[in-house]
């Protein structure tokens, strides 16, 4: 069995946030119903915002660019889940 390749971002903040974000993502995937998914999605937004508001962000750093790219995708996903709740 192949192990899924993990993002290799050399940043202590990313390394600290990544397991927390993955845990919340797992909870979203296992949640039953839109209400429960949306609650976890709001928590996901908070944790992703930690990465997006990082004081150590350097625009010339590939690690920082990759971190922000991943964080923005996750934020968009959380936004979609929350919007789905509002529609329901």
N, C-alpha and C. Protein backbone atom coordinates (compact mmCIF):
# COMPACT_ATOMS: atom_id res chain seq x y z
N UNK A 1 0.84 -1.17 0.00
CA UNK A 1 0.00 0.00 0.00
C UNK A 1 0.89 1.25 0.00
N UNK A 2 0.56 2.20 -0.86
CA UNK A 2 1.35 3.43 -0.95
C UNK A 2 0.87 4.43 0.09
N UNK A 3 1.84 5.02 0.76
CA UNK A 3 1.50 6.06 1.73
C UNK A 3 1.32 7.36 0.96
N UNK A 4 0.25 8.08 1.29
CA UNK A 4 -0.03 9.35 0.64
C UNK A 4 1.10 10.33 0.95
N UNK A 5 1.60 10.99 -0.07
CA UNK A 5 2.69 11.95 0.11
C UNK A 5 2.20 13.17 0.87
N UNK A 6 2.88 13.49 1.93
CA UNK A 6 2.53 14.65 2.74
C UNK A 6 3.23 15.89 2.18
N UNK A 7 2.57 17.05 2.31
CA UNK A 7 3.24 18.27 1.86
C UNK A 7 4.52 18.47 2.66
N UNK A 8 5.59 18.80 1.97
CA UNK A 8 6.87 19.02 2.65
C UNK A 8 7.11 20.52 2.76
N UNK A 9 6.53 21.09 3.78
CA UNK A 9 6.67 22.52 4.01
C UNK A 9 7.45 22.69 5.31
N UNK A 10 8.64 23.27 5.18
CA UNK A 10 9.52 23.44 6.34
C UNK A 10 9.14 24.70 7.10
N UNK A 11 8.15 24.55 7.96
CA UNK A 11 7.68 25.69 8.75
C UNK A 11 7.06 25.14 10.02
N UNK A 12 7.50 25.64 11.17
CA UNK A 12 7.00 25.12 12.45
C UNK A 12 5.51 25.41 12.63
N UNK A 13 5.05 26.54 12.13
CA UNK A 13 3.63 26.89 12.26
C UNK A 13 2.78 25.94 11.42
N UNK A 14 3.21 25.69 10.18
CA UNK A 14 2.50 24.75 9.31
C UNK A 14 2.50 23.36 9.93
N UNK A 15 3.67 22.93 10.42
CA UNK A 15 3.79 21.59 11.01
C UNK A 15 2.88 21.44 12.24
N UNK A 16 2.68 22.52 12.97
CA UNK A 16 1.81 22.49 14.16
C UNK A 16 0.35 22.49 13.75
N UNK A 17 0.00 23.27 12.74
CA UNK A 17 -1.40 23.40 12.31
C UNK A 17 -1.89 22.21 11.50
N UNK A 18 -1.00 21.60 10.74
CA UNK A 18 -1.41 20.54 9.80
C UNK A 18 -2.16 19.38 10.47
N UNK A 19 -1.67 18.82 11.58
CA UNK A 19 -2.43 17.72 12.21
C UNK A 19 -3.79 18.18 12.74
N UNK A 20 -3.87 19.40 13.23
CA UNK A 20 -5.14 19.95 13.74
C UNK A 20 -6.13 20.07 12.58
N UNK A 21 -5.65 20.62 11.46
CA UNK A 21 -6.50 20.81 10.28
C UNK A 21 -6.95 19.46 9.72
N UNK A 22 -6.03 18.49 9.66
CA UNK A 22 -6.39 17.15 9.17
C UNK A 22 -7.44 16.51 10.07
N UNK A 23 -7.32 16.69 11.36
CA UNK A 23 -8.29 16.13 12.30
C UNK A 23 -9.68 16.73 12.06
N UNK A 24 -9.75 18.03 11.90
CA UNK A 24 -11.03 18.70 11.64
C UNK A 24 -11.59 18.24 10.30
N UNK A 25 -10.74 18.11 9.29
CA UNK A 25 -11.18 17.64 7.97
C UNK A 25 -11.77 16.23 8.08
N UNK A 26 -11.13 15.36 8.84
CA UNK A 26 -11.67 14.01 9.06
C UNK A 26 -13.04 14.08 9.72
N UNK A 27 -13.20 14.98 10.68
CA UNK A 27 -14.49 15.12 11.37
C UNK A 27 -15.56 15.62 10.40
N UNK A 28 -15.21 16.53 9.50
CA UNK A 28 -16.16 17.00 8.49
C UNK A 28 -16.59 15.82 7.61
N UNK A 29 -15.62 15.04 7.19
CA UNK A 29 -15.92 13.90 6.31
C UNK A 29 -16.79 12.85 6.99
N UNK A 30 -16.66 12.69 8.29
CA UNK A 30 -17.43 11.68 9.03
C UNK A 30 -18.76 12.22 9.55
N UNK A 31 -18.91 13.54 9.56
CA UNK A 31 -20.11 14.16 10.12
C UNK A 31 -21.35 13.75 9.33
N UNK A 32 -22.44 13.59 10.06
CA UNK A 32 -23.73 13.26 9.46
C UNK A 32 -24.55 14.55 9.39
N UNK A 33 -24.85 14.99 8.21
CA UNK A 33 -25.71 16.16 8.08
C UNK A 33 -24.94 17.46 7.94
N UNK A 34 -25.60 18.40 7.32
CA UNK A 34 -25.00 19.69 6.97
C UNK A 34 -24.69 20.53 8.20
N UNK A 35 -25.58 20.50 9.21
CA UNK A 35 -25.37 21.30 10.42
C UNK A 35 -24.05 20.94 11.10
N UNK A 36 -23.84 19.64 11.27
CA UNK A 36 -22.63 19.17 11.95
C UNK A 36 -21.39 19.48 11.10
N UNK A 37 -21.49 19.27 9.79
CA UNK A 37 -20.37 19.57 8.89
C UNK A 37 -20.02 21.06 8.96
N UNK A 38 -21.05 21.91 8.99
CA UNK A 38 -20.83 23.36 9.02
C UNK A 38 -20.15 23.80 10.32
N UNK A 39 -20.50 23.15 11.43
CA UNK A 39 -19.84 23.49 12.71
C UNK A 39 -18.34 23.21 12.62
N UNK A 40 -17.99 22.05 12.06
CA UNK A 40 -16.57 21.73 11.91
C UNK A 40 -15.91 22.65 10.87
N UNK A 41 -16.65 23.02 9.84
CA UNK A 41 -16.11 23.90 8.80
C UNK A 41 -15.75 25.27 9.38
N UNK A 42 -16.55 25.75 10.32
CA UNK A 42 -16.24 27.03 10.99
C UNK A 42 -14.95 26.91 11.79
N UNK A 43 -14.76 25.78 12.44
CA UNK A 43 -13.52 25.53 13.19
C UNK A 43 -12.34 25.44 12.22
N UNK A 44 -12.57 24.79 11.07
CA UNK A 44 -11.53 24.68 10.04
C UNK A 44 -11.10 26.07 9.58
N UNK A 45 -12.06 26.96 9.36
CA UNK A 45 -11.73 28.33 8.96
C UNK A 45 -10.81 29.00 9.98
N UNK A 46 -11.11 28.84 11.25
CA UNK A 46 -10.29 29.45 12.30
C UNK A 46 -8.85 28.95 12.24
N UNK A 47 -8.69 27.64 12.08
CA UNK A 47 -7.34 27.05 12.05
C UNK A 47 -6.59 27.43 10.78
N UNK A 48 -7.29 27.52 9.67
CA UNK A 48 -6.66 27.91 8.40
C UNK A 48 -6.26 29.39 8.46
N UNK A 49 -7.07 30.20 9.13
CA UNK A 49 -6.75 31.62 9.28
C UNK A 49 -5.42 31.84 10.01
N UNK A 50 -5.06 30.91 10.90
CA UNK A 50 -3.77 30.98 11.57
C UNK A 50 -2.65 30.98 10.53
N UNK A 51 -2.78 30.12 9.52
CA UNK A 51 -1.77 30.04 8.46
C UNK A 51 -1.82 31.27 7.55
N UNK A 52 -3.02 31.72 7.23
CA UNK A 52 -3.17 32.85 6.30
C UNK A 52 -2.75 34.18 6.92
N UNK A 53 -2.75 34.25 8.26
CA UNK A 53 -2.36 35.50 8.92
C UNK A 53 -0.97 35.38 9.56
N UNK A 54 -0.19 34.43 9.09
CA UNK A 54 1.13 34.16 9.65
C UNK A 54 2.04 35.40 9.58
N UNK A 55 2.59 35.75 10.72
CA UNK A 55 3.48 36.92 10.80
C UNK A 55 4.83 36.65 10.11
N UNK A 56 5.18 35.38 9.94
CA UNK A 56 6.45 35.03 9.32
C UNK A 56 6.37 34.86 7.81
N UNK A 57 5.22 35.19 7.21
CA UNK A 57 5.03 34.99 5.76
C UNK A 57 6.06 35.79 4.97
N UNK A 58 6.71 35.09 4.03
CA UNK A 58 7.68 35.74 3.13
C UNK A 58 7.24 35.43 1.70
N UNK A 59 6.91 36.46 0.94
CA UNK A 59 6.37 36.26 -0.40
C UNK A 59 7.36 35.56 -1.34
N UNK A 60 8.65 35.62 -1.03
CA UNK A 60 9.65 34.98 -1.90
C UNK A 60 9.87 33.51 -1.53
N UNK A 61 9.30 33.06 -0.43
CA UNK A 61 9.49 31.68 0.04
C UNK A 61 8.51 30.72 -0.63
N UNK A 62 9.05 29.67 -1.24
CA UNK A 62 8.21 28.65 -1.86
C UNK A 62 7.37 27.94 -0.80
N UNK A 63 7.94 27.68 0.38
CA UNK A 63 7.18 27.06 1.46
C UNK A 63 5.99 27.93 1.85
N UNK A 64 6.19 29.22 1.97
CA UNK A 64 5.11 30.14 2.32
C UNK A 64 4.04 30.17 1.23
N UNK A 65 4.46 30.22 -0.02
CA UNK A 65 3.50 30.21 -1.14
C UNK A 65 2.68 28.93 -1.12
N UNK A 66 3.34 27.79 -0.93
CA UNK A 66 2.62 26.51 -0.90
C UNK A 66 1.66 26.43 0.29
N UNK A 67 2.11 26.91 1.43
CA UNK A 67 1.27 26.92 2.62
C UNK A 67 0.01 27.75 2.37
N UNK A 68 0.17 28.94 1.82
CA UNK A 68 -0.98 29.81 1.56
C UNK A 68 -1.89 29.22 0.50
N UNK A 69 -1.32 28.55 -0.51
CA UNK A 69 -2.12 27.91 -1.55
C UNK A 69 -3.01 26.84 -0.93
N UNK A 70 -2.42 25.97 -0.13
CA UNK A 70 -3.17 24.89 0.54
C UNK A 70 -4.21 25.48 1.49
N UNK A 71 -3.82 26.48 2.25
CA UNK A 71 -4.73 27.11 3.22
C UNK A 71 -5.92 27.76 2.51
N UNK A 72 -5.65 28.42 1.39
CA UNK A 72 -6.75 29.05 0.64
C UNK A 72 -7.72 28.03 0.09
N UNK A 73 -7.22 26.90 -0.40
CA UNK A 73 -8.11 25.83 -0.88
C UNK A 73 -9.00 25.32 0.26
N UNK A 74 -8.40 25.13 1.40
CA UNK A 74 -9.17 24.64 2.55
C UNK A 74 -10.20 25.66 3.01
N UNK A 75 -9.83 26.93 2.96
CA UNK A 75 -10.78 27.99 3.34
C UNK A 75 -11.97 28.01 2.38
N UNK A 76 -11.69 27.86 1.08
CA UNK A 76 -12.78 27.83 0.09
C UNK A 76 -13.70 26.63 0.33
N UNK A 77 -13.12 25.50 0.67
CA UNK A 77 -13.90 24.31 0.97
C UNK A 77 -14.80 24.56 2.17
N UNK A 78 -14.24 25.12 3.23
CA UNK A 78 -15.02 25.43 4.43
C UNK A 78 -16.14 26.42 4.10
N UNK A 79 -15.84 27.43 3.29
CA UNK A 79 -16.85 28.41 2.88
C UNK A 79 -18.01 27.74 2.16
N UNK A 80 -17.70 26.80 1.27
CA UNK A 80 -18.75 26.10 0.52
C UNK A 80 -19.64 25.29 1.45
N UNK A 81 -19.05 24.62 2.43
CA UNK A 81 -19.83 23.83 3.38
C UNK A 81 -20.76 24.74 4.18
N UNK A 82 -20.25 25.87 4.61
CA UNK A 82 -21.06 26.82 5.40
C UNK A 82 -22.18 27.41 4.54
N UNK A 83 -21.89 27.73 3.29
CA UNK A 83 -22.92 28.24 2.38
C UNK A 83 -24.02 27.20 2.15
N UNK A 84 -23.63 25.93 2.05
CA UNK A 84 -24.60 24.85 1.87
C UNK A 84 -25.57 24.81 3.04
N UNK A 85 -25.04 25.01 4.25
CA UNK A 85 -25.91 25.03 5.44
C UNK A 85 -26.90 26.18 5.36
N UNK A 86 -26.43 27.34 4.92
CA UNK A 86 -27.30 28.51 4.84
C UNK A 86 -28.41 28.32 3.80
N UNK A 87 -28.11 27.56 2.74
CA UNK A 87 -29.11 27.30 1.70
C UNK A 87 -30.18 26.33 2.18
N UNK A 88 -29.77 25.43 3.09
CA UNK A 88 -30.67 24.37 3.55
C UNK A 88 -31.66 24.81 4.55
